[in-house]
C-alpha atoms as a PDB file:
ATOM      1  CA  MET A   1     138.024  51.820 121.223  1.00  0.00           C
ATOM      2  CA  GLN A   2     138.223  55.338 122.252  1.00  0.00           C
ATOM      3  CA  THR A   3     141.133  56.374 124.303  1.00  0.00           C
ATOM      4  CA  ARG A   4     140.501  59.088 126.525  1.00  0.00           C
ATOM      5  CA  THR A   5     143.052  61.197 124.728  1.00  0.00           C
ATOM      6  CA  THR A   6     140.639  61.553 121.804  1.00  0.00           C
ATOM      7  CA  ILE A   7     137.439  62.712 123.451  1.00  0.00           C
ATOM      8  CA  HIS A   8     139.299  65.519 125.060  1.00  0.00           C
ATOM      9  CA  ASP A   9     141.068  65.991 121.439  1.00  0.00           C
ATOM     10  CA  GLU A  10     137.395  66.813 120.304  1.00  0.00           C
ATOM     11  CA  ALA A  11     135.930  68.366 122.527  1.00  0.00           C
ATOM     12  CA  GLY A  12     138.775  71.272 121.982  1.00  0.00           C
ATOM     13  CA  ILE A  13     137.793  70.760 118.308  1.00  0.00           C
ATOM     14  CA  ALA A  14     134.748  71.757 119.218  1.00  0.00           C
ATOM     15  CA  THR A  15     135.357  74.226 121.275  1.00  0.00           C
ATOM     16  CA  LEU A  16     137.582  75.872 118.535  1.00  0.00           C
ATOM     17  CA  GLU A  17     135.426  76.072 115.953  1.00  0.00           C
ATOM     18  CA  THR A  18     132.132  77.633 118.721  1.00  0.00           C
ATOM     19  CA  ALA A  19     135.035  80.447 119.415  1.00  0.00           C
ATOM     20  CA  LEU A  20     135.683  80.744 115.627  1.00  0.00           C
ATOM     21  CA  THR A  21     131.967  80.708 114.099  1.00  0.00           C
ATOM     22  CA  LEU A  22     130.012  82.778 116.944  1.00  0.00           C
ATOM     23  CA  PRO A  23     130.836  86.367 116.464  1.00  0.00           C
ATOM     24  CA  LEU A  24     130.316  85.813 112.683  1.00  0.00           C
ATOM     25  CA  LEU A  25     126.823  84.105 113.950  1.00  0.00           C
ATOM     26  CA  LEU A  26     126.671  86.972 116.010  1.00  0.00           C
ATOM     27  CA  ALA A  27     127.443  89.582 113.585  1.00  0.00           C
ATOM     28  CA  ALA A  28     124.687  88.275 111.167  1.00  0.00           C
ATOM     29  CA  ILE A  29     122.087  88.730 113.354  1.00  0.00           C
ATOM     30  CA  TRP A  30     123.198  92.196 114.581  1.00  0.00           C
ATOM     31  CA  ALA A  31     123.298  93.432 111.262  1.00  0.00           C
ATOM     32  CA  ALA A  32     120.009  91.803 110.295  1.00  0.00           C
ATOM     33  CA  ILE A  33     118.274  93.611 113.793  1.00  0.00           C
ATOM     34  CA  SER A  34     119.994  97.003 112.028  1.00  0.00           C
ATOM     35  CA  TYR A  35     118.484  96.188 108.590  1.00  0.00           C
ATOM     36  CA  GLY A  36     114.848  95.293 110.079  1.00  0.00           C
ATOM     37  CA  LEU A  37     114.759  98.451 112.300  1.00  0.00           C
ATOM     38  CA  VAL A  38     115.761 100.775 109.032  1.00  0.00           C
ATOM     39  CA  PHE A  39     112.827  99.023 107.357  1.00  0.00           C
ATOM     40  CA  THR A  40     110.628  99.378 109.752  1.00  0.00           C
ATOM     41  CA  VAL A  41     111.430 103.063 110.558  1.00  0.00           C
ATOM     42  CA  ASP A  42     111.280 103.635 106.575  1.00  0.00           C
ATOM     43  CA  HIS A  43     107.779 101.682 106.652  1.00  0.00           C
ATOM     44  CA  THR A  44     106.548 104.491 109.662  1.00  0.00           C
ATOM     45  CA  LEU A  45     107.515 107.530 107.792  1.00  0.00           C
ATOM     46  CA  ALA A  46     105.444 106.158 104.592  1.00  0.00           C
ATOM     47  CA  ALA A  47     102.825 105.674 106.870  1.00  0.00           C
ATOM     48  CA  ALA A  48     103.410 109.065 108.474  1.00  0.00           C
ATOM     49  CA  ALA A  49     103.325 110.944 105.402  1.00  0.00           C
ATOM     50  CA  SER A  50     100.183 108.609 104.051  1.00  0.00           C
ATOM     51  CA  ASP A  51      98.724 109.615 107.556  1.00  0.00           C
ATOM     52  CA  GLY A  52      99.378 113.256 107.252  1.00  0.00           C
ATOM     53  CA  ALA A  53      97.724 113.500 103.327  1.00  0.00           C
ATOM     54  CA  ARG A  54      94.685 111.929 104.031  1.00  0.00           C
ATOM     55  CA  ALA A  55      94.054 113.964 107.338  1.00  0.00           C
ATOM     56  CA  ALA A  56      94.329 117.333 104.615  1.00  0.00           C
ATOM     57  CA  VAL A  57      91.686 115.873 102.467  1.00  0.00           C
ATOM     58  CA  GLY A  58      88.506 117.075 105.108  1.00  0.00           C
ATOM     59  CA  ALA A  59      90.199 120.666 105.833  1.00  0.00           C
ATOM     60  CA  VAL A  60      88.108 123.663 104.201  1.00  0.00           C
ATOM     61  CA  THR A  61      90.840 125.639 103.543  1.00  0.00           C
ATOM     62  CA  GLU A  62      94.503 124.883 102.374  1.00  0.00           C
ATOM     63  CA  ALA A  63      95.879 126.194 105.788  1.00  0.00           C
ATOM     64  CA  GLU A  64      93.618 124.234 107.714  1.00  0.00           C
ATOM     65  CA  ALA A  65      94.683 121.048 105.172  1.00  0.00           C
ATOM     66  CA  VAL A  66      98.423 122.286 106.273  1.00  0.00           C
ATOM     67  CA  ALA A  67      97.678 122.638 109.635  1.00  0.00           C
ATOM     68  CA  ALA A  68      95.438 119.382 109.592  1.00  0.00           C
ATOM     69  CA  ALA A  69      98.386 117.076 107.573  1.00  0.00           C
ATOM     70  CA  GLN A  70     101.223 118.174 109.861  1.00  0.00           C
ATOM     71  CA  ALA A  71      99.407 117.433 112.894  1.00  0.00           C
ATOM     72  CA  ALA A  72      98.349 113.854 111.887  1.00  0.00           C
ATOM     73  CA  ALA A  73     101.829 112.752 110.693  1.00  0.00           C
ATOM     74  CA  THR A  74     103.429 114.186 113.418  1.00  0.00           C
ATOM     75  CA  GLU A  75     100.633 111.811 115.884  1.00  0.00           C
ATOM     76  CA  ARG A  76     101.768 108.597 113.735  1.00  0.00           C
ATOM     77  CA  LEU A  77     105.542 109.507 114.150  1.00  0.00           C
ATOM     78  CA  ASP A  78     104.665 110.326 118.112  1.00  0.00           C
ATOM     79  CA  ARG A  79     103.343 106.578 118.653  1.00  0.00           C
ATOM     80  CA  ALA A  80     105.503 104.586 116.555  1.00  0.00           C
ATOM     81  CA  LEU A  81     108.992 105.779 117.390  1.00  0.00           C
ATOM     82  CA  GLY A  82     108.280 106.711 120.682  1.00  0.00           C
ATOM     83  CA  SER A  83     111.364 108.447 122.333  1.00  0.00           C
ATOM     84  CA  PHE A  84     112.696 108.422 118.783  1.00  0.00           C
ATOM     85  CA  ALA A  85     110.039 110.943 117.366  1.00  0.00           C
ATOM     86  CA  PRO A  86     111.926 114.351 118.283  1.00  0.00           C
ATOM     87  CA  ASP A  87     114.656 113.195 115.556  1.00  0.00           C
ATOM     88  CA  ALA A  88     111.877 112.817 112.617  1.00  0.00           C
ATOM     89  CA  VAL A  89     111.045 115.783 111.064  1.00  0.00           C
ATOM     90  CA  VAL A  90     107.600 116.503 109.141  1.00  0.00           C
ATOM     91  CA  ALA A  91     108.494 119.318 107.130  1.00  0.00           C
ATOM     92  CA  THR A  92     105.715 121.768 106.122  1.00  0.00           C
ATOM     93  CA  PRO A  93     102.982 120.055 104.274  1.00  0.00           C
ATOM     94  CA  THR A  94     103.068 122.047 100.855  1.00  0.00           C
ATOM     95  CA  VAL A  95      99.484 122.918  98.917  1.00  0.00           C
ATOM     96  CA  ALA A  96     100.390 123.406  95.274  1.00  0.00           C
ATOM     97  CA  ASP A  97      98.121 122.560  91.497  1.00  0.00           C
ATOM     98  CA  CYS A  98      98.573 118.909  90.713  1.00  0.00           C
ATOM     99  CA  ALA A  99      99.394 118.217  87.013  1.00  0.00           C
ATOM    100  CA  PRO A 100      98.235 117.855  84.444  1.00  0.00           C
ATOM    101  CA  THR A 101      94.061 118.501  86.062  1.00  0.00           C
ATOM    102  CA  GLY A 102      94.829 121.677  87.717  1.00  0.00           C
ATOM    103  CA  ALA A 103      93.319 120.266  91.270  1.00  0.00           C
ATOM    104  CA  ARG A 104      95.296 121.830  94.557  1.00  0.00           C
ATOM    105  CA  CYS A 105      97.328 118.476  96.037  1.00  0.00           C
ATOM    106  CA  VAL A 106      98.801 118.819  99.208  1.00  0.00           C
ATOM    107  CA  THR A 107     101.990 117.067  99.689  1.00  0.00           C
ATOM    108  CA  VAL A 108     103.864 115.859 103.240  1.00  0.00           C
ATOM    109  CA  GLU A 109     107.455 114.518 103.384  1.00  0.00           C
ATOM    110  CA  VAL A 110     108.612 113.011 106.610  1.00  0.00           C
ATOM    111  CA  THR A 111     112.114 112.741 107.278  1.00  0.00           C
ATOM    112  CA  TYR A 112     114.419 110.595 109.718  1.00  0.00           C
ATOM    113  CA  PRO A 113     117.717 111.292 110.095  1.00  0.00           C
ATOM    114  CA  TRP A 114     119.387 107.379 110.686  1.00  0.00           C
ATOM    115  CA  GLY A 115     123.215 108.405 110.405  1.00  0.00           C
ATOM    116  CA  THR A 116     123.109 110.840 113.353  1.00  0.00           C
ATOM    117  CA  ALA A 117     120.278 109.201 115.573  1.00  0.00           C
ATOM    118  CA  PRO A 118     120.313 105.523 114.691  1.00  0.00           C
ATOM    119  CA  ILE A 119     117.734 103.728 116.603  1.00  0.00           C
ATOM    120  CA  VAL A 120     121.010 100.530 117.112  1.00  0.00           C
ATOM    121  CA  PRO A 121     123.766 101.382 117.792  1.00  0.00           C
ATOM    122  CA  ASP A 122     126.696 100.968 114.636  1.00  0.00           C
ATOM    123  CA  LEU A 123     128.489  98.583 116.282  1.00  0.00           C
ATOM    124  CA  LEU A 124     130.343  96.357 113.741  1.00  0.00           C
ATOM    125  CA  SER A 125     130.230  99.461 110.858  1.00  0.00           C
ATOM    126  CA  VAL A 126     126.642  97.848 109.375  1.00  0.00           C
ATOM    127  CA  VAL A 127     126.111  99.695 106.175  1.00  0.00           C
ATOM    128  CA  THR A 128     122.794 102.123 106.670  1.00  0.00           C
ATOM    129  CA  PRO A 129     120.942 105.072 104.867  1.00  0.00           C
ATOM    130  CA  ASP A 130     122.452 108.715 106.291  1.00  0.00           C
ATOM    131  CA  GLU A 131     118.972 109.732 106.145  1.00  0.00           C
ATOM    132  CA  LEU A 132     115.355 108.091 105.419  1.00  0.00           C
ATOM    133  CA  SER A 133     112.489 109.391 103.925  1.00  0.00           C
ATOM    134  CA  ALA A 134     109.164 108.976 102.350  1.00  0.00           C
ATOM    135  CA  THR A 135     106.548 111.458 100.955  1.00  0.00           C
ATOM    136  CA  ALA A 136     102.548 111.342 100.256  1.00  0.00           C
ATOM    137  CA  THR A 137     100.071 113.464  97.976  1.00  0.00           C
ATOM    138  CA  VAL A 138      96.783 113.725  97.901  1.00  0.00           C
ATOM    139  CA  GLN A 139      94.426 115.457  95.794  1.00  0.00           C
ATOM    140  CA  LEU A 140      92.546 118.583  97.947  1.00  0.00           C
ATOM    141  CA  SER A 141      89.863 119.381  95.343  1.00  0.00           C
ATOM    142  CA  HIS A 142      88.751 118.392  91.367  1.00  0.00           C
END
């Protein structure tokens, strides 16, 4: 038969266990959310660079290709990142010879300064990259 003291002691132990494990659980959840958002932004940058590169394919001149690539990448970032989009940088796309064929290719590079503009605050010193970037290249001509 249990006495009143034993039941009270078990409730105290349960409270102590909760107090010790809850911060660890919350820290693990925060780290998972932080890393998940890093991967999401990285995927968004890759998609924006790819969209920009693909938009350049139909252009008649290289100047039109650069403008189309810049606009498409910026539009994708605006839709995906919302209020954080101004922090992302779409470098001016470059047109150059592709090796080894000598055809013309456009390259689009997109970066996001995660170290200075994180989407979630770094509350627990979770190790995240300082900068995320993605690059895409497509061939413009044969």
